[in-house]
Amino acid sequence: MGLCGWPIALPFWDLQKRRYRQTVINRMKENLVIEEREARSFIQNKLNEGVISDEIIKLKASTEKWCLIHYMTPEGQNLVFLTNDMDLLAGLVAFLYSRR
């Protein structure tokens, strides 16, 4: 799994996931265009504490679906994460990104 904070090469990560099952977690970038979005339910538990929303989205620059996670840190900072790993819980995505 890649954890990065630089611009996202969506077609590259689409290919990496298809070929090698590699996934990435990043912060959402302002220039990415969301074409479709669908809310995902998540359990309000200790792991997901701080998660505001979890969505499946389709980005204009990508052929694959991605997860968009809105998260509020204990300090009150609002963060938005993007991942192509559909199996991770939203709170785990936030935790993993914070540990990079």
PDB file of N, CA and C in Angstrom:
ATOM      1  N   MET A   1       0.839  -1.169   0.000  1.00  0.00           N
ATOM      2  CA  MET A   1       0.000   0.000   0.000  1.00  0.00           C
ATOM      3  C   MET A   1       0.882   1.229   0.000  1.00  0.00           C
ATOM      4  N   GLY A   2       0.538   2.190  -0.831  1.00  0.00           N
ATOM      5  CA  GLY A   2       1.268   3.446  -0.860  1.00  0.00           C
ATOM      6  C   GLY A   2       0.576   4.483   0.003  1.00  0.00           C
ATOM      7  N   LEU A   3       1.345   5.210   0.762  1.00  0.00           N
ATOM      8  CA  LEU A   3       0.848   6.328   1.565  1.00  0.00           C
ATOM      9  C   LEU A   3       1.629   7.546   1.123  1.00  0.00           C
ATOM     10  N   CYS A   4       0.946   8.481   0.476  1.00  0.00           N
ATOM     11  CA  CYS A   4       1.706   9.603  -0.053  1.00  0.00           C
ATOM     12  C   CYS A   4       0.944  10.906   0.115  1.00  0.00           C
ATOM     13  N   GLY A   5       1.646  11.994  -0.032  1.00  0.00           N
ATOM     14  CA  GLY A   5       1.046  13.300   0.098  1.00  0.00           C
ATOM     15  C   GLY A   5       1.287  14.177  -1.118  1.00  0.00           C
ATOM     16  N   TRP A   6       1.764  13.610  -2.208  1.00  0.00           N
ATOM     17  CA  TRP A   6       2.026  14.380  -3.413  1.00  0.00           C
ATOM     18  C   TRP A   6       0.908  14.154  -4.432  1.00  0.00           C
ATOM     19  N   PRO A   7       0.939  14.841  -5.583  1.00  0.00           N
ATOM     20  CA  PRO A   7      -0.138  14.681  -6.572  1.00  0.00           C
ATOM     21  C   PRO A   7      -0.374  13.214  -6.931  1.00  0.00           C
ATOM     22  N   ILE A   8      -1.620  12.885  -7.177  1.00  0.00           N
ATOM     23  CA  ILE A   8      -2.011  11.507  -7.445  1.00  0.00           C
ATOM     24  C   ILE A   8      -2.076  11.268  -8.943  1.00  0.00           C
ATOM     25  N   ALA A   9      -1.359  10.264  -9.417  1.00  0.00           N
ATOM     26  CA  ALA A   9      -1.425   9.844 -10.813  1.00  0.00           C
ATOM     27  C   ALA A   9      -2.482   8.741 -10.884  1.00  0.00           C
ATOM     28  N   LEU A  10      -3.735   9.132 -11.046  1.00  0.00           N
ATOM     29  CA  LEU A  10      -4.840   8.168 -10.983  1.00  0.00           C
ATOM     30  C   LEU A  10      -4.710   7.020 -11.978  1.00  0.00           C
ATOM     31  N   PRO A  11      -4.415   7.271 -13.252  1.00  0.00           N
ATOM     32  CA  PRO A  11      -4.270   6.139 -14.179  1.00  0.00           C
ATOM     33  C   PRO A  11      -3.177   5.161 -13.746  1.00  0.00           C
ATOM     34  N   PHE A  12      -2.070   5.690 -13.193  1.00  0.00           N
ATOM     35  CA  PHE A  12      -1.005   4.826 -12.688  1.00  0.00           C
ATOM     36  C   PHE A  12      -1.541   3.918 -11.587  1.00  0.00           C
ATOM     37  N   TRP A  13      -2.277   4.476 -10.624  1.00  0.00           N
ATOM     38  CA  TRP A  13      -2.784   3.668  -9.514  1.00  0.00           C
ATOM     39  C   TRP A  13      -3.890   2.712  -9.953  1.00  0.00           C
ATOM     40  N   ASP A  14      -4.670   3.099 -10.976  1.00  0.00           N
ATOM     41  CA  ASP A  14      -5.655   2.163 -11.535  1.00  0.00           C
ATOM     42  C   ASP A  14      -4.940   0.916 -12.044  1.00  0.00           C
ATOM     43  N   LEU A  15      -3.863   1.127 -12.775  1.00  0.00           N
ATOM     44  CA  LEU A  15      -3.086   0.019 -13.349  1.00  0.00           C
ATOM     45  C   LEU A  15      -2.403  -0.800 -12.254  1.00  0.00           C
ATOM     46  N   GLN A  16      -1.816  -0.132 -11.265  1.00  0.00           N
ATOM     47  CA  GLN A  16      -1.153  -0.843 -10.172  1.00  0.00           C
ATOM     48  C   GLN A  16      -2.131  -1.743  -9.418  1.00  0.00           C
ATOM     49  N   LYS A  17      -3.338  -1.269  -9.212  1.00  0.00           N
ATOM     50  CA  LYS A  17      -4.324  -2.082  -8.500  1.00  0.00           C
ATOM     51  C   LYS A  17      -4.742  -3.285  -9.340  1.00  0.00           C
ATOM     52  N   ARG A  18      -4.981  -3.057 -10.627  1.00  0.00           N
ATOM     53  CA  ARG A  18      -5.381  -4.163 -11.500  1.00  0.00           C
ATOM     54  C   ARG A  18      -4.275  -5.202 -11.641  1.00  0.00           C
ATOM     55  N   ARG A  19      -3.050  -4.762 -11.863  1.00  0.00           N
ATOM     56  CA  ARG A  19      -1.943  -5.695 -12.114  1.00  0.00           C
ATOM     57  C   ARG A  19      -1.397  -6.347 -10.844  1.00  0.00           C
ATOM     58  N   TYR A  20      -1.194  -5.539  -9.804  1.00  0.00           N
ATOM     59  CA  TYR A  20      -0.444  -6.014  -8.638  1.00  0.00           C
ATOM     60  C   TYR A  20      -1.222  -5.954  -7.323  1.00  0.00           C
ATOM     61  N   ARG A  21      -2.472  -5.523  -7.386  1.00  0.00           N
ATOM     62  CA  ARG A  21      -3.320  -5.357  -6.196  1.00  0.00           C
ATOM     63  C   ARG A  21      -2.727  -4.353  -5.213  1.00  0.00           C
ATOM     64  N   GLN A  22      -1.940  -3.393  -5.725  1.00  0.00           N
ATOM     65  CA  GLN A  22      -1.388  -2.337  -4.893  1.00  0.00           C
ATOM     66  C   GLN A  22      -2.432  -1.238  -4.728  1.00  0.00           C
ATOM     67  N   THR A  23      -2.488  -0.689  -3.526  1.00  0.00           N
ATOM     68  CA  THR A  23      -3.441   0.378  -3.247  1.00  0.00           C
ATOM     69  C   THR A  23      -2.705   1.592  -2.703  1.00  0.00           C
ATOM     70  N   VAL A  24      -3.423   2.689  -2.611  1.00  0.00           N
ATOM     71  CA  VAL A  24      -2.834   3.950  -2.163  1.00  0.00           C
ATOM     72  C   VAL A  24      -3.831   4.686  -1.261  1.00  0.00           C
ATOM     73  N   ILE A  25      -3.286   5.438  -0.327  1.00  0.00           N
ATOM     74  CA  ILE A  25      -4.066   6.363   0.488  1.00  0.00           C
ATOM     75  C   ILE A  25      -3.424   7.731   0.325  1.00  0.00           C
ATOM     76  N   ASN A  26      -4.230   8.748   0.048  1.00  0.00           N
ATOM     77  CA  ASN A  26      -3.732  10.095  -0.144  1.00  0.00           C
ATOM     78  C   ASN A  26      -4.772  11.081   0.344  1.00  0.00           C
ATOM     79  N   ARG A  27      -4.412  12.338   0.395  1.00  0.00           N
ATOM     80  CA  ARG A  27      -5.392  13.383   0.678  1.00  0.00           C
ATOM     81  C   ARG A  27      -6.067  13.743  -0.638  1.00  0.00           C
ATOM     82  N   MET A  28      -7.332  14.085  -0.569  1.00  0.00           N
ATOM     83  CA  MET A  28      -8.070  14.509  -1.752  1.00  0.00           C
ATOM     84  C   MET A  28      -7.472  15.814  -2.260  1.00  0.00           C
ATOM     85  N   LYS A  29      -7.341  15.937  -3.559  1.00  0.00           N
ATOM     86  CA  LYS A  29      -6.783  17.137  -4.179  1.00  0.00           C
ATOM     87  C   LYS A  29      -7.907  17.960  -4.793  1.00  0.00           C
ATOM     88  N   GLU A  30      -7.778  19.278  -4.740  1.00  0.00           N
ATOM     89  CA  GLU A  30      -8.827  20.189  -5.225  1.00  0.00           C
ATOM     90  C   GLU A  30      -9.093  20.050  -6.716  1.00  0.00           C
ATOM     91  N   ASN A  31      -8.079  19.658  -7.493  1.00  0.00           N
ATOM     92  CA  ASN A  31      -8.251  19.604  -8.949  1.00  0.00           C
ATOM     93  C   ASN A  31      -8.908  18.311  -9.437  1.00  0.00           C
ATOM     94  N   LEU A  32      -9.174  17.352  -8.550  1.00  0.00           N
ATOM     95  CA  LEU A  32      -9.819  16.106  -8.973  1.00  0.00           C
ATOM     96  C   LEU A  32     -11.323  16.317  -9.088  1.00  0.00           C
ATOM     97  N   VAL A  33     -11.889  15.878 -10.192  1.00  0.00           N
ATOM     98  CA  VAL A  33     -13.311  16.083 -10.475  1.00  0.00           C
ATOM     99  C   VAL A  33     -14.080  14.812 -10.166  1.00  0.00           C
ATOM    100  N   ILE A  34     -15.072  14.935  -9.275  1.00  0.00           N
ATOM    101  CA  ILE A  34     -15.927  13.794  -8.924  1.00  0.00           C
ATOM    102  C   ILE A  34     -17.115  13.775  -9.879  1.00  0.00           C
ATOM    103  N   GLU A  35     -17.286  12.649 -10.571  1.00  0.00           N
ATOM    104  CA  GLU A  35     -18.407  12.500 -11.500  1.00  0.00           C
ATOM    105  C   GLU A  35     -19.608  11.826 -10.847  1.00  0.00           C
ATOM    106  N   GLU A  36     -19.359  10.879  -9.954  1.00  0.00           N
ATOM    107  CA  GLU A  36     -20.431  10.153  -9.266  1.00  0.00           C
ATOM    108  C   GLU A  36     -20.040   9.988  -7.808  1.00  0.00           C
ATOM    109  N   ARG A  37     -21.047   9.916  -6.927  1.00  0.00           N
ATOM    110  CA  ARG A  37     -20.768   9.641  -5.521  1.00  0.00           C
ATOM    111  C   ARG A  37     -21.933   8.872  -4.909  1.00  0.00           C
ATOM    112  N   GLU A  38     -21.577   7.977  -4.004  1.00  0.00           N
ATOM    113  CA  GLU A  38     -22.564   7.135  -3.325  1.00  0.00           C
ATOM    114  C   GLU A  38     -22.104   6.965  -1.876  1.00  0.00           C
ATOM    115  N   ALA A  39     -22.993   7.263  -0.938  1.00  0.00           N
ATOM    116  CA  ALA A  39     -22.644   7.138   0.482  1.00  0.00           C
ATOM    117  C   ALA A  39     -22.457   5.677   0.862  1.00  0.00           C
ATOM    118  N   ARG A  40     -21.453   5.424   1.710  1.00  0.00           N
ATOM    119  CA  ARG A  40     -21.255   4.094   2.289  1.00  0.00           C
ATOM    120  C   ARG A  40     -21.558   4.199   3.774  1.00  0.00           C
ATOM    121  N   SER A  41     -22.243   3.200   4.290  1.00  0.00           N
ATOM    122  CA  SER A  41     -22.512   3.206   5.725  1.00  0.00           C
ATOM    123  C   SER A  41     -21.261   2.749   6.465  1.00  0.00           C
ATOM    124  N   PHE A  42     -21.112   3.245   7.681  1.00  0.00           N
ATOM    125  CA  PHE A  42     -19.994   2.815   8.518  1.00  0.00           C
ATOM    126  C   PHE A  42     -20.478   2.760   9.960  1.00  0.00           C
ATOM    127  N   ILE A  43     -19.868   1.881  10.721  1.00  0.00           N
ATOM    128  CA  ILE A  43     -20.248   1.676  12.110  1.00  0.00           C
ATOM    129  C   ILE A  43     -19.579   2.745  12.973  1.00  0.00           C
ATOM    130  N   GLN A  44     -20.372   3.382  13.826  1.00  0.00           N
ATOM    131  CA  GLN A  44     -19.818   4.358  14.758  1.00  0.00           C
ATOM    132  C   GLN A  44     -19.218   3.595  15.934  1.00  0.00           C
ATOM    133  N   ASN A  45     -17.916   3.361  15.879  1.00  0.00           N
ATOM    134  CA  ASN A  45     -17.215   2.680  16.965  1.00  0.00           C
ATOM    135  C   ASN A  45     -15.901   3.406  17.226  1.00  0.00           C
ATOM    136  N   LYS A  46     -15.090   2.884  18.133  1.00  0.00           N
ATOM    137  CA  LYS A  46     -13.831   3.540  18.502  1.00  0.00           C
ATOM    138  C   LYS A  46     -12.911   3.722  17.293  1.00  0.00           C
ATOM    139  N   LEU A  47     -12.828   2.719  16.436  1.00  0.00           N
ATOM    140  CA  LEU A  47     -11.959   2.801  15.262  1.00  0.00           C
ATOM    141  C   LEU A  47     -12.396   3.916  14.302  1.00  0.00           C
ATOM    142  N   ASN A  48     -13.691   4.103  14.159  1.00  0.00           N
ATOM    143  CA  ASN A  48     -14.207   5.104  13.231  1.00  0.00           C
ATOM    144  C   ASN A  48     -14.484   6.444  13.902  1.00  0.00           C
ATOM    145  N   GLU A  49     -14.009   6.619  15.118  1.00  0.00           N
ATOM    146  CA  GLU A  49     -14.208   7.888  15.810  1.00  0.00           C
ATOM    147  C   GLU A  49     -13.560   9.007  14.991  1.00  0.00           C
ATOM    148  N   GLY A  50     -14.303  10.030  14.696  1.00  0.00           N
ATOM    149  CA  GLY A  50     -13.815  11.139  13.875  1.00  0.00           C
ATOM    150  C   GLY A  50     -14.261  11.066  12.428  1.00  0.00           C
ATOM    151  N   VAL A  51     -14.750   9.914  11.988  1.00  0.00           N
ATOM    152  CA  VAL A  51     -15.207   9.788  10.601  1.00  0.00           C
ATOM    153  C   VAL A  51     -16.532  10.531  10.453  1.00  0.00           C
ATOM    154  N   ILE A  52     -16.582  11.425   9.492  1.00  0.00           N
ATOM    155  CA  ILE A  52     -17.798  12.202   9.216  1.00  0.00           C
ATOM    156  C   ILE A  52     -18.603  11.532   8.110  1.00  0.00           C
ATOM    157  N   SER A  53     -17.911  11.090   7.056  1.00  0.00           N
ATOM    158  CA  SER A  53     -18.597  10.403   5.959  1.00  0.00           C
ATOM    159  C   SER A  53     -17.626   9.489   5.228  1.00  0.00           C
ATOM    160  N   ASP A  54     -18.202   8.505   4.566  1.00  0.00           N
ATOM    161  CA  ASP A  54     -17.454   7.538   3.762  1.00  0.00           C
ATOM    162  C   ASP A  54     -18.254   7.361   2.478  1.00  0.00           C
ATOM    163  N   GLU A  55     -17.643   7.647   1.335  1.00  0.00           N
ATOM    164  CA  GLU A  55     -18.347   7.584   0.053  1.00  0.00           C
ATOM    165  C   GLU A  55     -17.543   6.778  -0.961  1.00  0.00           C
ATOM    166  N   ILE A  56     -18.256   6.163  -1.882  1.00  0.00           N
ATOM    167  CA  ILE A  56     -17.644   5.578  -3.074  1.00  0.00           C
ATOM    168  C   ILE A  56     -17.822   6.618  -4.165  1.00  0.00           C
ATOM    169  N   ILE A  57     -16.719   6.954  -4.840  1.00  0.00           N
ATOM    170  CA  ILE A  57     -16.799   7.978  -5.877  1.00  0.00           C
ATOM    171  C   ILE A  57     -16.169   7.485  -7.175  1.00  0.00           C
ATOM    172  N   LYS A  58     -16.569   8.121  -8.248  1.00  0.00           N
ATOM    173  CA  LYS A  58     -15.969   7.922  -9.569  1.00  0.00           C
ATOM    174  C   LYS A  58     -15.340   9.251  -9.948  1.00  0.00           C
ATOM    175  N   LEU A  59     -14.043   9.219 -10.220  1.00  0.00           N
ATOM    176  CA  LEU A  59     -13.314  10.423 -10.597  1.00  0.00           C
ATOM    177  C   LEU A  59     -13.155  10.498 -12.108  1.00  0.00           C
ATOM    178  N   LYS A  60     -13.219  11.698 -12.634  1.00  0.00           N
ATOM    179  CA  LYS A  60     -13.113  11.895 -14.076  1.00  0.00           C
ATOM    180  C   LYS A  60     -11.808  11.327 -14.647  1.00  0.00           C
ATOM    181  N   ALA A  61     -10.714  11.447 -13.914  1.00  0.00           N
ATOM    182  CA  ALA A  61      -9.400  11.021 -14.408  1.00  0.00           C
ATOM    183  C   ALA A  61      -9.103   9.545 -14.173  1.00  0.00           C
ATOM    184  N   SER A  62     -10.080   8.791 -13.679  1.00  0.00           N
ATOM    185  CA  SER A  62      -9.839   7.395 -13.318  1.00  0.00           C
ATOM    186  C   SER A  62     -10.900   6.477 -13.919  1.00  0.00           C
ATOM    187  N   THR A  63     -10.498   5.242 -14.186  1.00  0.00           N
ATOM    188  CA  THR A  63     -11.456   4.249 -14.676  1.00  0.00           C
ATOM    189  C   THR A  63     -12.036   3.412 -13.532  1.00  0.00           C
ATOM    190  N   GLU A  64     -11.447   3.549 -12.338  1.00  0.00           N
ATOM    191  CA  GLU A  64     -11.856   2.749 -11.179  1.00  0.00           C
ATOM    192  C   GLU A  64     -12.639   3.588 -10.170  1.00  0.00           C
ATOM    193  N   LYS A  65     -13.284   2.906  -9.232  1.00  0.00           N
ATOM    194  CA  LYS A  65     -13.965   3.589  -8.132  1.00  0.00           C
ATOM    195  C   LYS A  65     -12.977   3.803  -6.991  1.00  0.00           C
ATOM    196  N   TRP A  66     -13.203   4.850  -6.227  1.00  0.00           N
ATOM    197  CA  TRP A  66     -12.363   5.232  -5.108  1.00  0.00           C
ATOM    198  C   TRP A  66     -13.236   5.497  -3.892  1.00  0.00           C
ATOM    199  N   CYS A  67     -12.630   5.474  -2.713  1.00  0.00           N
ATOM    200  CA  CYS A  67     -13.328   5.851  -1.479  1.00  0.00           C
ATOM    201  C   CYS A  67     -12.874   7.249  -1.073  1.00  0.00           C
ATOM    202  N   LEU A  68     -13.843   8.068  -0.702  1.00  0.00           N
ATOM    203  CA  LEU A  68     -13.586   9.419  -0.224  1.00  0.00           C
ATOM    204  C   LEU A  68     -14.054   9.480   1.223  1.00  0.00           C
ATOM    205  N   ILE A  69     -13.153   9.812   2.125  1.00  0.00           N
ATOM    206  CA  ILE A  69     -13.441   9.770   3.553  1.00  0.00           C
ATOM    207  C   ILE A  69     -13.213  11.143   4.155  1.00  0.00           C
ATOM    208  N   HIS A  70     -14.255  11.688   4.779  1.00  0.00           N
ATOM    209  CA  HIS A  70     -14.156  12.953   5.512  1.00  0.00           C
ATOM    210  C   HIS A  70     -13.933  12.608   6.980  1.00  0.00           C
ATOM    211  N   TYR A  71     -12.914  13.243   7.562  1.00  0.00           N
ATOM    212  CA  TYR A  71     -12.486  12.887   8.916  1.00  0.00           C
ATOM    213  C   TYR A  71     -12.166  14.152   9.708  1.00  0.00           C
ATOM    214  N   MET A  72     -12.581  14.178  10.966  1.00  0.00           N
ATOM    215  CA  MET A  72     -12.283  15.287  11.872  1.00  0.00           C
ATOM    216  C   MET A  72     -11.289  14.800  12.917  1.00  0.00           C
ATOM    217  N   THR A  73     -10.116  15.444  12.983  1.00  0.00           N
ATOM    218  CA  THR A  73      -9.097  15.053  13.956  1.00  0.00           C
ATOM    219  C   THR A  73      -9.540  15.464  15.359  1.00  0.00           C
ATOM    220  N   PRO A  74      -8.937  14.873  16.389  1.00  0.00           N
ATOM    221  CA  PRO A  74      -9.257  15.300  17.762  1.00  0.00           C
ATOM    222  C   PRO A  74      -8.991  16.788  17.995  1.00  0.00           C
ATOM    223  N   GLU A  75      -8.090  17.376  17.198  1.00  0.00           N
ATOM    224  CA  GLU A  75      -7.780  18.805  17.314  1.00  0.00           C
ATOM    225  C   GLU A  75      -8.758  19.680  16.534  1.00  0.00           C
ATOM    226  N   GLY A  76      -9.710  19.060  15.829  1.00  0.00           N
ATOM    227  CA  GLY A  76     -10.719  19.815  15.086  1.00  0.00           C
ATOM    228  C   GLY A  76     -10.366  20.115  13.641  1.00  0.00           C
ATOM    229  N   GLN A  77      -9.317  19.501  13.126  1.00  0.00           N
ATOM    230  CA  GLN A  77      -8.936  19.705  11.722  1.00  0.00           C
ATOM    231  C   GLN A  77      -9.738  18.767  10.832  1.00  0.00           C
ATOM    232  N   ASN A  78     -10.326  19.315   9.776  1.00  0.00           N
ATOM    233  CA  ASN A  78     -11.114  18.524   8.831  1.00  0.00           C
ATOM    234  C   ASN A  78     -10.202  18.034   7.716  1.00  0.00           C
ATOM    235  N   LEU A  79     -10.083  16.709   7.554  1.00  0.00           N
ATOM    236  CA  LEU A  79      -9.244  16.108   6.523  1.00  0.00           C
ATOM    237  C   LEU A  79     -10.103  15.267   5.583  1.00  0.00           C
ATOM    238  N   VAL A  80      -9.694  15.213   4.321  1.00  0.00           N
ATOM    239  CA  VAL A  80     -10.407  14.399   3.333  1.00  0.00           C
ATOM    240  C   VAL A  80      -9.393  13.459   2.695  1.00  0.00           C
ATOM    241  N   PHE A  81      -9.649  12.152   2.833  1.00  0.00           N
ATOM    242  CA  PHE A  81      -8.745  11.124   2.322  1.00  0.00           C
ATOM    243  C   PHE A  81      -9.348  10.452   1.102  1.00  0.00           C
ATOM    244  N   LEU A  82      -8.464   9.978   0.248  1.00  0.00           N
ATOM    245  CA  LEU A  82      -8.838   9.280  -0.969  1.00  0.00           C
ATOM    246  C   LEU A  82      -8.063   7.970  -0.998  1.00  0.00           C
ATOM    247  N   THR A  83      -8.755   6.854  -1.234  1.00  0.00           N
ATOM    248  CA  THR A  83      -8.080   5.568  -1.355  1.00  0.00           C
ATOM    249  C   THR A  83      -8.778   4.709  -2.402  1.00  0.00           C
ATOM    250  N   ASN A  84      -7.999   3.836  -3.009  1.00  0.00           N
ATOM    251  CA  ASN A  84      -8.581   2.870  -3.936  1.00  0.00           C
ATOM    252  C   ASN A  84      -8.699   1.496  -3.283  1.00  0.00           C
ATOM    253  N   ASP A  85      -8.493   1.438  -1.965  1.00  0.00           N
ATOM    254  CA  ASP A  85      -8.661   0.190  -1.210  1.00  0.00           C
ATOM    255  C   ASP A  85     -10.067   0.173  -0.625  1.00  0.00           C
ATOM    256  N   MET A  86     -10.948  -0.552  -1.254  1.00  0.00           N
ATOM    257  CA  MET A  86     -12.362  -0.577  -0.872  1.00  0.00           C
ATOM    258  C   MET A  86     -12.623  -1.440   0.360  1.00  0.00           C
ATOM    259  N   ASP A  87     -11.624  -2.172   0.835  1.00  0.00           N
ATOM    260  CA  ASP A  87     -11.817  -3.078   1.966  1.00  0.00           C
ATOM    261  C   ASP A  87     -11.475  -2.458   3.318  1.00  0.00           C
ATOM    262  N   LEU A  88     -10.758  -1.350   3.324  1.00  0.00           N
ATOM    263  CA  LEU A  88     -10.362  -0.739   4.593  1.00  0.00           C
ATOM    264  C   LEU A  88     -11.509   0.049   5.216  1.00  0.00           C
ATOM    265  N   LEU A  89     -11.611  -0.013   6.534  1.00  0.00           N
ATOM    266  CA  LEU A  89     -12.580   0.815   7.242  1.00  0.00           C
ATOM    267  C   LEU A  89     -12.121   2.269   7.181  1.00  0.00           C
ATOM    268  N   ALA A  90     -13.068   3.181   7.154  1.00  0.00           N
ATOM    269  CA  ALA A  90     -12.753   4.604   7.016  1.00  0.00           C
ATOM    270  C   ALA A  90     -11.794   5.090   8.109  1.00  0.00           C
ATOM    271  N   GLY A  91     -12.035   4.699   9.346  1.00  0.00           N
ATOM    272  CA  GLY A  91     -11.170   5.114  10.443  1.00  0.00           C
ATOM    273  C   GLY A  91      -9.760   4.558  10.313  1.00  0.00           C
ATOM    274  N   LEU A  92      -9.640   3.375   9.747  1.00  0.00           N
ATOM    275  CA  LEU A  92      -8.322   2.776   9.535  1.00  0.00           C
ATOM    276  C   LEU A  92      -7.546   3.540   8.467  1.00  0.00           C
ATOM    277  N   VAL A  93      -8.242   4.017   7.445  1.00  0.00           N
ATOM    278  CA  VAL A  93      -7.602   4.838   6.416  1.00  0.00           C
ATOM    279  C   VAL A  93      -6.998   6.083   7.061  1.00  0.00           C
ATOM    280  N   ALA A  94      -7.775   6.763   7.906  1.00  0.00           N
ATOM    281  CA  ALA A  94      -7.283   7.966   8.592  1.00  0.00           C
ATOM    282  C   ALA A  94      -6.089   7.628   9.482  1.00  0.00           C
ATOM    283  N   PHE A  95      -6.167   6.528  10.208  1.00  0.00           N
ATOM    284  CA  PHE A  95      -5.073   6.114  11.083  1.00  0.00           C
ATOM    285  C   PHE A  95      -3.805   5.826  10.288  1.00  0.00           C
ATOM    286  N   LEU A  96      -3.937   5.042   9.230  1.00  0.00           N
ATOM    287  CA  LEU A  96      -2.769   4.685   8.409  1.00  0.00           C
ATOM    288  C   LEU A  96      -2.123   5.924   7.802  1.00  0.00           C
ATOM    289  N   TYR A  97      -2.938   6.852   7.308  1.00  0.00           N
ATOM    290  CA  TYR A  97      -2.367   8.059   6.731  1.00  0.00           C
ATOM    291  C   TYR A  97      -1.618   8.864   7.776  1.00  0.00           C
ATOM    292  N   SER A  98      -2.160   8.950   8.972  1.00  0.00           N
ATOM    293  CA  SER A  98      -1.517   9.727  10.029  1.00  0.00           C
ATOM    294  C   SER A  98      -0.203   9.088  10.476  1.00  0.00           C
ATOM    295  N   ARG A  99      -0.033   7.783  10.236  1.00  0.00           N
ATOM    296  CA  ARG A  99       1.172   7.061  10.646  1.00  0.00           C
ATOM    297  C   ARG A  99       2.254   7.021   9.559  1.00  0.00           C
ATOM    298  N   ARG A 100       2.030   7.663   8.441  1.00  0.00           N
ATOM    299  CA  ARG A 100       2.999   7.587   7.329  1.00  0.00           C
ATOM    300  C   ARG A 100       4.285   8.295   7.663  1.00  0.00           C
TER     301      ARG A 100
END
